[in-house]
Amino acid sequence: MRYRYYTLHMINKKINKEILRLAGPNIVSNISVPLLSTVDTILMGKESISHLGAVGIGSMIFNLIYWNFGFLRMGTTGLVAQAYGADNRLLIKELLIKATCLAIMLSTVVIVFQGPLLELCMYGLNVLPQQTGMVSEYYTIRIIAAPATFLLYAALGWYFGMQNAWYPLLITIAVNVINMMVSWYMVAVLGHGVAGVAWGTVIAQYSGLLLAVILLIHRYKSMLLGAFDFSQIFSGLLKFLNVNTNLFLRTVLLTSSFFFFYSQSSLAGELVLATNLVLLLFLNWMSYGIDGFAYAAESLVGKYQGSKDDKSLSDTVSLSLLWGLVLALGYTAVYGLAYDSLLSLFTDEQSTVDFAGQFYYWMILLPIISFMSYIYDGIYIGLTATKSMRDTMIIAFVIFLSSYYLLGGVGASIHNIWIAMSLLLFIRGIGQAILYHKFPQFLK
């Protein structure tokens, strides 16, 4: 008995070390992403409430477009991690080529249909007349970065699958530092306003892609060189597309939820929209931090699934959830103690700061309500159980919309949109937890 306890303790210690090795760089990398939007928000918030809303809506349009194609990263990570666990080097190379080809094709489609996409998003988000010109200007410039963004998704997903969290960290930090510096210079020094923020993103994305290619050649040249039969690209293509299709459908529903959130906030007026834009940054800070452990779970769960090591896989799941809870409690403490100070960073409009005070308790509760949804996403991606991810998202989305309208929408209370969003995040997490622990035979 003592030997068994000691062995379990050592395995947990080993897994915990692996989780922290991967999660540490991921957390730093992820937190730099909302830091970028935070800087953009601060720059525009100093201009006017209309500038703040316009860039927030412009960013949301690209989130809606790009998040829907986030399967390029997620699907690639799960499949590459399983190939890595099975030590299948040929498949690892095939998956990189497949992901790269798919990224090029999808970015081409987005560029070709950029006009209709903008019109659809502007209509759906109920963009105010005084913001239409600024939103269009931001969009027209930033869409140029679409190919770089999609190729970066593929590259980062491949690195995560290879258990390499340091390269994504270097790339993400480089992208965001360049973005912040260029945006600040163009807005604060040259006075280019919305256009300056957009050009900062374009320049940074292509710089990040260049760095990703340099790092790939530096570290993995020997693996990628050599003869390759490109007809092999089509072998196993069905599984690659099936995994990505389910992730795409799941992500469409998730982004539609945020699309709906912005749309309803806009209908409620400029003050509600500006306030909710700022508060969603709080949610983003939390989600990107906890996603550091979710990304570690993707890599390790996929590796242990590929190597058929069920015990290590189970330990990874338990420890990832524990660390997710610890980080969620940390965010709750920070938001609880520094809420007013954080709000004052984003705007000089005292009316917005005062109005946001009504949502104090939502910002305290959201990390605890939602952390499981992020961690289980990572677990399911590592298992490539994307059909189950899609199905639980469908249930959560239906509850999200139903609860909002049953409560009477923002017309009845400005808190109803946050009640609906909290239910969406909670149902996603608890639904995947029940499926994983009670009905594992249905995971697929």
Protein backbone atom coordinates (compact mmCIF):
# COMPACT_ATOMS: atom_id res chain seq x y z
CA MET A 1 0.00 0.00 0.00
CA ARG A 2 2.78 2.41 0.93
CA TYR A 3 4.56 1.63 -2.36
CA ARG A 4 1.40 2.32 -4.37
CA TYR A 5 0.88 5.66 -2.60
CA TYR A 6 4.51 6.65 -3.23
CA THR A 7 4.25 5.72 -6.92
CA LEU A 8 1.04 7.73 -7.34
CA HIS A 9 2.63 10.68 -5.59
CA MET A 10 5.64 10.55 -7.90
CA ILE A 11 3.46 10.28 -11.01
CA ASN A 12 1.38 13.26 -9.90
CA LYS A 13 4.54 15.21 -9.18
CA LYS A 14 5.86 14.39 -12.64
CA ILE A 15 2.61 15.35 -14.36
CA ASN A 16 2.34 18.51 -12.29
CA LYS A 17 5.83 19.50 -13.38
CA GLU A 18 4.89 18.92 -17.03
CA ILE A 19 1.71 20.98 -16.66
CA LEU A 20 3.58 23.89 -15.11
CA ARG A 21 6.36 23.65 -17.71
CA LEU A 22 3.79 24.10 -20.48
CA ALA A 23 1.30 26.33 -18.66
CA GLY A 24 3.83 28.93 -17.48
CA PRO A 25 4.83 30.15 -20.96
CA ASN A 26 1.22 29.76 -22.13
CA ILE A 27 -0.12 32.01 -19.37
CA VAL A 28 2.45 34.71 -20.05
CA SER A 29 1.78 34.41 -23.78
CA ASN A 30 -2.01 34.46 -23.39
CA ILE A 31 -2.10 37.38 -20.98
CA SER A 32 -0.18 39.46 -23.52
CA VAL A 33 -3.11 39.06 -25.96
CA PRO A 34 -5.74 40.95 -23.93
CA LEU A 35 -2.97 43.35 -22.93
CA LEU A 36 -2.88 44.41 -26.59
CA SER A 37 -6.63 45.09 -26.71
CA THR A 38 -6.25 46.84 -23.38
CA VAL A 39 -3.66 49.25 -24.83
CA ASP A 40 -5.85 49.83 -27.91
CA THR A 41 -8.82 50.50 -25.63
CA ILE A 42 -6.80 52.94 -23.51
CA LEU A 43 -5.53 54.79 -26.62
CA MET A 44 -9.04 55.12 -28.06
CA GLY A 45 -10.66 55.81 -24.69
CA LYS A 46 -8.52 58.93 -24.40
CA GLU A 47 -9.88 60.11 -27.78
CA SER A 48 -13.64 59.81 -27.16
CA ILE A 49 -16.36 57.35 -26.21
CA SER A 50 -17.17 57.01 -29.95
CA HIS A 51 -13.56 56.06 -30.77
CA LEU A 52 -13.63 53.54 -27.91
CA GLY A 53 -16.83 51.95 -29.20
CA ALA A 54 -15.67 51.95 -32.84
CA VAL A 55 -12.39 50.14 -32.17
CA GLY A 56 -14.17 47.78 -29.76
CA ILE A 57 -16.69 46.89 -32.46
CA GLY A 58 -13.97 46.65 -35.12
CA SER A 59 -11.99 44.28 -32.90
CA MET A 60 -15.12 42.26 -32.23
CA ILE A 61 -15.73 41.88 -35.97
CA PHE A 62 -12.29 40.32 -36.35
CA ASN A 63 -12.82 38.20 -33.25
CA LEU A 64 -16.03 36.92 -34.83
CA ILE A 65 -14.23 36.15 -38.09
CA TYR A 66 -10.97 34.78 -36.68
CA TRP A 67 -12.39 32.89 -33.68
CA ASN A 68 -14.54 30.90 -36.08
CA PHE A 69 -11.34 29.67 -37.70
CA GLY A 70 -9.59 29.02 -34.40
CA PHE A 71 -9.96 25.31 -35.18
CA LEU A 72 -6.76 25.72 -37.21
CA ARG A 73 -4.89 25.98 -33.93
CA MET A 74 -7.05 23.72 -31.74
CA GLY A 75 -7.50 20.88 -34.21
CA THR A 76 -3.83 20.92 -35.17
CA THR A 77 -2.74 20.79 -31.51
CA GLY A 78 -4.84 17.73 -30.65
CA LEU A 79 -3.85 15.71 -33.71
CA VAL A 80 -0.14 16.64 -33.56
CA ALA A 81 -0.01 15.87 -29.82
CA GLN A 82 -1.43 12.41 -30.43
CA ALA A 83 1.06 11.83 -33.27
CA TYR A 84 3.84 13.05 -30.96
CA GLY A 85 2.74 10.61 -28.24
CA ALA A 86 2.73 7.78 -30.78
CA ASP A 87 6.18 8.93 -32.09
CA ASN A 88 4.85 9.17 -35.66
CA ARG A 89 7.23 11.68 -37.23
CA LEU A 90 5.84 11.34 -40.75
CA LEU A 91 2.33 12.14 -39.57
CA ILE A 92 3.64 15.14 -37.62
CA LYS A 93 5.08 16.56 -40.85
CA GLU A 94 1.91 15.76 -42.80
CA LEU A 95 -0.23 17.60 -40.26
CA LEU A 96 1.90 20.75 -40.54
CA ILE A 97 1.52 20.76 -44.32
CA LYS A 98 -2.24 20.10 -44.11
CA ALA A 99 -2.73 22.90 -41.60
CA THR A 100 -0.66 25.32 -43.70
CA CYS A 101 -2.60 24.54 -46.90
CA LEU A 102 -5.92 24.93 -45.10
CA ALA A 103 -4.81 28.26 -43.59
CA ILE A 104 -3.92 29.63 -47.05
CA MET A 105 -7.23 28.51 -48.56
CA LEU A 106 -9.36 29.93 -45.73
CA SER A 107 -7.57 33.28 -45.63
CA THR A 108 -8.08 33.61 -49.38
CA VAL A 109 -11.83 33.09 -48.93
CA VAL A 110 -11.95 35.76 -46.19
CA ILE A 111 -10.06 38.28 -48.36
CA VAL A 112 -12.33 37.64 -51.35
CA PHE A 113 -15.53 38.05 -49.32
CA GLN A 114 -14.34 40.86 -47.06
CA GLY A 115 -17.03 43.28 -48.30
CA PRO A 116 -20.09 41.11 -47.55
CA LEU A 117 -18.53 40.05 -44.25
CA LEU A 118 -18.22 43.69 -43.16
CA GLU A 119 -21.80 44.52 -44.17
CA LEU A 120 -23.16 41.48 -42.34
CA CYS A 121 -21.23 42.26 -39.16
CA MET A 122 -22.12 45.97 -39.22
CA TYR A 123 -25.79 45.09 -39.58
CA GLY A 124 -25.75 42.37 -36.92
CA LEU A 125 -23.85 44.47 -34.38
CA ASN A 126 -26.21 47.43 -34.79
CA VAL A 127 -23.29 49.82 -35.38
CA LEU A 128 -24.27 53.39 -34.53
CA PRO A 129 -24.25 55.91 -37.46
CA GLN A 130 -21.51 58.05 -35.89
CA GLN A 131 -19.23 55.01 -35.66
CA THR A 132 -19.77 53.50 -39.13
CA GLY A 133 -16.95 55.39 -40.84
CA MET A 134 -14.36 54.60 -38.16
CA VAL A 135 -15.34 50.91 -38.03
CA SER A 136 -15.06 50.63 -41.84
CA GLU A 137 -11.65 52.34 -41.83
CA TYR A 138 -10.34 50.00 -39.13
CA TYR A 139 -11.70 46.90 -40.90
CA THR A 140 -10.39 47.78 -44.38
CA ILE A 141 -6.83 48.08 -43.07
CA ARG A 142 -6.77 45.21 -40.61
CA ILE A 143 -8.21 42.63 -43.06
CA ILE A 144 -4.83 42.77 -44.86
CA ALA A 145 -3.40 40.70 -41.98
CA ALA A 146 -5.78 37.74 -42.55
CA PRO A 147 -3.23 35.42 -44.27
CA ALA A 148 -0.64 36.01 -41.54
CA THR A 149 -3.21 35.46 -38.79
CA PHE A 150 -4.43 32.13 -40.22
CA LEU A 151 -0.90 30.84 -40.83
CA LEU A 152 0.04 31.79 -37.26
CA TYR A 153 -2.91 29.74 -35.98
CA ALA A 154 -1.55 26.70 -37.82
CA ALA A 155 2.03 27.27 -36.62
CA LEU A 156 1.09 27.82 -32.96
CA GLY A 157 -1.16 24.76 -32.96
CA TRP A 158 1.66 22.64 -34.35
CA TYR A 159 4.13 23.92 -31.75
CA PHE A 160 1.69 23.21 -28.89
CA GLY A 161 1.18 19.68 -30.21
CA MET A 162 4.95 19.22 -30.22
CA GLN A 163 4.93 20.05 -26.45
CA ASN A 164 6.75 23.29 -27.24
CA ALA A 165 5.21 26.20 -25.34
CA TRP A 166 8.27 28.46 -25.57
CA TYR A 167 8.07 29.24 -29.28
CA PRO A 168 4.40 30.33 -29.07
CA LEU A 169 5.42 32.49 -26.10
CA LEU A 170 8.21 34.19 -28.08
CA ILE A 171 5.98 34.68 -31.12
CA THR A 172 2.99 36.02 -29.18
CA ILE A 173 5.03 38.42 -27.09
CA ALA A 174 6.86 39.67 -30.19
CA VAL A 175 3.55 40.21 -32.02
CA ASN A 176 1.98 42.10 -29.12
CA VAL A 177 5.03 44.23 -28.29
CA ILE A 178 5.37 45.27 -31.94
CA ASN A 179 1.64 45.90 -32.13
CA MET A 180 1.56 48.08 -29.01
CA MET A 181 4.65 50.08 -30.03
CA VAL A 182 3.48 50.74 -33.58
CA SER A 183 -0.09 51.52 -32.46
CA TRP A 184 1.13 53.93 -29.78
CA TYR A 185 3.47 55.69 -32.22
CA MET A 186 0.84 56.03 -34.94
CA VAL A 187 -1.91 57.22 -32.56
CA ALA A 188 -0.10 59.23 -29.88
CA VAL A 189 2.71 60.67 -32.04
CA LEU A 190 1.39 60.77 -35.61
CA GLY A 191 -2.28 61.22 -34.69
CA HIS A 192 -3.64 58.58 -37.09
CA GLY A 193 -6.39 57.50 -34.68
CA VAL A 194 -8.31 54.36 -35.65
CA ALA A 195 -6.13 53.74 -38.73
CA GLY A 196 -2.99 53.77 -36.58
CA VAL A 197 -4.33 51.02 -34.30
CA ALA A 198 -5.27 48.91 -37.35
CA TRP A 199 -1.86 49.28 -39.03
CA GLY A 200 -0.17 48.33 -35.78
CA THR A 201 -1.98 44.96 -35.91
CA VAL A 202 -1.15 44.33 -39.58
CA ILE A 203 2.58 45.02 -39.16
CA ALA A 204 2.75 42.92 -36.00
CA GLN A 205 0.98 39.89 -37.51
CA TYR A 206 3.36 39.63 -40.46
CA SER A 207 6.34 40.15 -38.16
CA GLY A 208 5.09 37.27 -36.01
CA LEU A 209 4.68 35.01 -39.04
CA LEU A 210 8.26 35.72 -40.12
CA LEU A 211 9.50 34.83 -36.64
CA ALA A 212 7.44 31.61 -36.61
CA VAL A 213 9.05 30.47 -39.88
CA ILE A 214 12.55 31.33 -38.63
CA LEU A 215 12.01 29.35 -35.42
CA LEU A 216 10.55 26.40 -37.34
CA ILE A 217 13.60 26.17 -39.59
CA HIS A 218 15.98 26.63 -36.67
CA ARG A 219 14.54 23.87 -34.47
CA TYR A 220 12.81 21.36 -36.76
CA LYS A 221 14.70 21.55 -40.06
CA SER A 222 15.98 17.96 -39.84
CA MET A 223 12.46 16.63 -39.23
CA LEU A 224 10.90 18.58 -42.08
CA LEU A 225 13.59 18.04 -44.71
CA GLY A 226 13.66 15.04 -46.96
CA ALA A 227 11.46 13.61 -49.69
CA PHE A 228 7.74 13.77 -49.13
CA ASP A 229 4.91 12.29 -51.17
CA PHE A 230 2.35 15.09 -51.41
CA SER A 231 -0.32 12.54 -52.30
CA GLN A 232 -0.09 11.57 -48.61
CA ILE A 233 -1.71 14.90 -47.80
CA PHE A 234 -5.06 13.33 -48.68
CA SER A 235 -4.56 10.28 -46.47
CA GLY A 236 -6.23 10.84 -43.14
CA LEU A 237 -7.70 14.06 -44.53
CA LEU A 238 -11.22 12.97 -43.51
CA LYS A 239 -10.29 12.83 -39.81
CA PHE A 240 -8.45 16.15 -40.06
CA LEU A 241 -11.48 17.83 -41.65
CA ASN A 242 -13.96 16.10 -39.33
CA VAL A 243 -12.11 17.32 -36.23
CA ASN A 244 -11.89 20.83 -37.65
CA THR A 245 -15.52 20.90 -38.86
CA ASN A 246 -16.86 20.06 -35.39
CA LEU A 247 -14.57 22.69 -33.85
CA PHE A 248 -15.73 25.19 -36.46
CA LEU A 249 -19.41 24.61 -35.67
CA ARG A 250 -18.75 24.81 -31.93
CA THR A 251 -16.80 28.04 -32.36
CA VAL A 252 -19.46 29.59 -34.62
CA LEU A 253 -21.96 29.17 -31.78
CA LEU A 254 -19.51 30.62 -29.24
CA THR A 255 -18.69 33.66 -31.37
CA SER A 256 -22.40 34.08 -32.17
CA SER A 257 -22.97 34.37 -28.42
CA PHE A 258 -20.48 37.23 -28.19
CA PHE A 259 -21.90 38.73 -31.39
CA PHE A 260 -25.33 38.69 -29.74
CA PHE A 261 -23.86 40.16 -26.54
CA TYR A 262 -22.38 43.12 -28.43
CA SER A 263 -25.51 43.58 -30.53
CA GLN A 264 -27.82 43.75 -27.51
CA SER A 265 -25.40 46.04 -25.67
CA SER A 266 -25.37 48.39 -28.66
CA LEU A 267 -29.17 48.45 -28.77
CA ALA A 268 -29.19 49.48 -25.10
CA GLY A 269 -27.20 52.64 -25.91
CA GLU A 270 -23.65 53.97 -26.22
CA LEU A 271 -23.02 53.98 -22.46
CA VAL A 272 -24.02 50.33 -22.01
CA LEU A 273 -21.95 49.34 -25.05
CA ALA A 274 -18.83 51.16 -23.86
CA THR A 275 -19.19 49.71 -20.36
CA ASN A 276 -19.67 46.14 -21.58
CA LEU A 277 -16.69 46.50 -23.95
CA VAL A 278 -14.50 47.29 -20.95
CA LEU A 279 -15.99 44.52 -18.79
CA LEU A 280 -15.47 41.96 -21.54
CA LEU A 281 -11.78 42.81 -21.33
CA PHE A 282 -11.93 41.67 -17.70
CA LEU A 283 -13.44 38.40 -18.94
CA ASN A 284 -10.71 38.14 -21.59
CA TRP A 285 -7.94 38.66 -19.04
CA MET A 286 -9.34 35.81 -17.00
CA SER A 287 -10.01 33.46 -19.92
CA TYR A 288 -6.58 33.92 -21.48
CA GLY A 289 -4.90 33.27 -18.12
CA ILE A 290 -6.83 30.08 -17.40
CA ASP A 291 -6.35 29.03 -21.03
CA GLY A 292 -2.66 28.68 -20.19
CA PHE A 293 -3.57 25.50 -18.26
CA ALA A 294 -6.12 24.54 -20.92
CA TYR A 295 -3.39 24.67 -23.59
CA ALA A 296 -1.15 22.54 -21.37
CA ALA A 297 -4.02 20.06 -21.06
CA GLU A 298 -4.39 19.97 -24.86
CA SER A 299 -0.74 19.08 -25.33
CA LEU A 300 -0.46 16.54 -22.50
CA VAL A 301 -3.86 14.87 -22.89
CA GLY A 302 -3.15 14.46 -26.61
CA LYS A 303 0.31 13.04 -25.91
CA TYR A 304 -0.94 10.52 -23.35
CA GLN A 305 -3.90 9.60 -25.53
CA GLY A 306 -1.48 8.90 -28.37
CA SER A 307 0.82 6.81 -26.16
CA LYS A 308 -2.16 4.97 -24.54
CA ASP A 309 -1.10 6.05 -21.03
CA ASP A 310 -4.51 6.26 -19.33
CA LYS A 311 -3.14 6.85 -15.82
CA SER A 312 -1.07 9.86 -16.81
CA LEU A 313 -3.99 11.17 -18.84
CA SER A 314 -6.29 10.95 -15.80
CA ASP A 315 -3.73 12.71 -13.58
CA THR A 316 -3.36 15.46 -16.19
CA VAL A 317 -7.12 16.09 -16.20
CA SER A 318 -7.37 16.30 -12.39
CA LEU A 319 -4.37 18.56 -11.94
CA SER A 320 -5.37 20.85 -14.83
CA LEU A 321 -8.77 21.41 -13.22
CA LEU A 322 -7.15 22.08 -9.84
CA TRP A 323 -4.80 24.69 -11.30
CA GLY A 324 -7.67 26.26 -13.24
CA LEU A 325 -9.61 26.71 -9.99
CA VAL A 326 -6.59 28.21 -8.21
CA LEU A 327 -6.11 30.77 -10.98
CA ALA A 328 -9.85 31.56 -11.07
CA LEU A 329 -9.82 32.33 -7.35
CA GLY A 330 -6.82 34.59 -7.93
CA TYR A 331 -8.69 36.56 -10.58
CA THR A 332 -11.71 36.85 -8.28
CA ALA A 333 -9.49 38.31 -5.56
CA VAL A 334 -7.85 40.82 -7.92
CA TYR A 335 -11.16 41.96 -9.42
CA GLY A 336 -12.73 42.22 -5.98
CA LEU A 337 -9.93 44.36 -4.55
CA ALA A 338 -8.99 46.51 -7.55
CA TYR A 339 -12.21 46.84 -9.58
CA ASP A 340 -12.44 50.66 -9.51
CA SER A 341 -8.72 51.11 -10.17
CA LEU A 342 -8.87 48.80 -13.19
CA LEU A 343 -11.89 50.62 -14.61
CA SER A 344 -10.14 53.97 -14.39
CA LEU A 345 -7.40 52.71 -16.74
CA PHE A 346 -9.76 52.54 -19.70
CA THR A 347 -11.64 55.79 -19.83
CA ASP A 348 -11.68 59.35 -18.56
CA GLU A 349 -15.48 59.34 -18.79
CA GLN A 350 -16.65 59.33 -15.17
CA SER A 351 -20.15 58.37 -16.27
CA THR A 352 -18.80 55.10 -17.72
CA VAL A 353 -16.81 54.34 -14.54
CA ASP A 354 -19.82 55.05 -12.33
CA PHE A 355 -22.16 53.02 -14.50
CA ALA A 356 -19.77 50.02 -14.51
CA GLY A 357 -19.94 49.91 -10.72
CA GLN A 358 -23.29 48.13 -11.07
CA PHE A 359 -21.52 45.07 -12.50
CA TYR A 360 -18.99 44.61 -9.68
CA TYR A 361 -20.36 41.28 -8.45
CA TRP A 362 -20.48 39.79 -11.96
CA MET A 363 -16.75 40.35 -12.36
CA ILE A 364 -16.14 38.62 -9.01
CA LEU A 365 -18.31 35.60 -9.84
CA LEU A 366 -17.39 35.04 -13.50
CA PRO A 367 -13.94 33.43 -12.95
CA ILE A 368 -15.40 30.77 -10.63
CA ILE A 369 -18.47 30.21 -12.81
CA SER A 370 -16.51 29.78 -16.02
CA PHE A 371 -13.09 28.23 -15.33
CA MET A 372 -14.26 24.65 -16.02
CA SER A 373 -15.44 25.55 -19.52
CA TYR A 374 -11.90 26.62 -20.50
CA ILE A 375 -10.09 23.67 -18.90
CA TYR A 376 -12.46 21.06 -20.35
CA ASP A 377 -12.11 22.62 -23.78
CA GLY A 378 -8.39 21.86 -23.54
CA ILE A 379 -9.06 18.31 -22.35
CA TYR A 380 -11.52 17.60 -25.16
CA ILE A 381 -9.21 19.08 -27.79
CA GLY A 382 -6.40 16.78 -26.61
CA LEU A 383 -8.78 13.82 -26.88
CA THR A 384 -10.00 15.14 -30.29
CA ALA A 385 -13.51 14.64 -28.83
CA THR A 386 -14.73 17.53 -30.94
CA LYS A 387 -18.22 16.13 -31.60
CA SER A 388 -18.91 16.17 -27.85
CA MET A 389 -17.54 19.72 -27.64
CA ARG A 390 -19.93 20.73 -30.39
CA ASP A 391 -22.94 19.06 -28.76
CA THR A 392 -22.40 20.60 -25.31
CA MET A 393 -21.95 23.99 -26.97
CA ILE A 394 -25.29 23.60 -28.76
CA ILE A 395 -27.04 22.93 -25.44
CA ALA A 396 -25.31 25.89 -23.76
CA PHE A 397 -26.16 28.21 -26.67
CA VAL A 398 -29.86 27.29 -26.56
CA ILE A 399 -29.94 27.98 -22.80
CA PHE A 400 -28.07 31.27 -23.35
CA LEU A 401 -30.66 32.63 -25.80
CA SER A 402 -33.67 31.16 -23.99
CA SER A 403 -32.69 32.59 -20.61
CA TYR A 404 -32.04 36.04 -22.10
CA TYR A 405 -35.45 36.31 -23.74
CA LEU A 406 -37.32 34.68 -20.86
CA LEU A 407 -35.86 37.32 -18.56
CA GLY A 408 -36.99 40.09 -20.88
CA GLY A 409 -33.64 41.15 -22.37
CA VAL A 410 -31.79 44.38 -21.62
CA GLY A 411 -35.09 46.22 -21.80
CA ALA A 412 -36.12 44.58 -18.54
CA SER A 413 -32.69 44.78 -16.87
CA ILE A 414 -29.17 45.63 -18.01
CA HIS A 415 -28.00 42.61 -15.97
CA ASN A 416 -29.89 40.06 -18.10
CA ILE A 417 -27.19 39.86 -20.77
CA TRP A 418 -24.63 39.02 -18.07
CA ILE A 419 -26.94 36.40 -16.54
CA ALA A 420 -27.22 34.76 -19.97
CA MET A 421 -23.45 34.93 -20.57
CA SER A 422 -22.73 33.38 -17.16
CA LEU A 423 -25.13 30.53 -17.90
CA LEU A 424 -23.46 29.93 -21.26
CA LEU A 425 -20.02 29.56 -19.66
CA PHE A 426 -21.26 27.49 -16.72
CA ILE A 427 -23.34 25.05 -18.81
CA ARG A 428 -20.44 24.47 -21.20
CA GLY A 429 -18.14 23.51 -18.33
CA ILE A 430 -20.55 21.41 -16.30
CA GLY A 431 -21.88 19.66 -19.41
CA GLN A 432 -18.41 18.56 -20.49
CA ALA A 433 -17.56 17.52 -16.91
CA ILE A 434 -20.64 15.27 -16.69
CA LEU A 435 -19.94 13.74 -20.08
CA TYR A 436 -16.29 13.08 -19.30
CA HIS A 437 -16.76 11.57 -15.82
CA LYS A 438 -20.18 9.89 -16.09
CA PHE A 439 -20.52 8.95 -19.76
CA PRO A 440 -16.99 8.58 -21.19
CA GLN A 441 -18.28 6.03 -23.72
CA PHE A 442 -19.95 8.90 -25.59
CA LEU A 443 -16.80 10.97 -25.94
CA LYS A 444 -16.01 11.35 -29.62
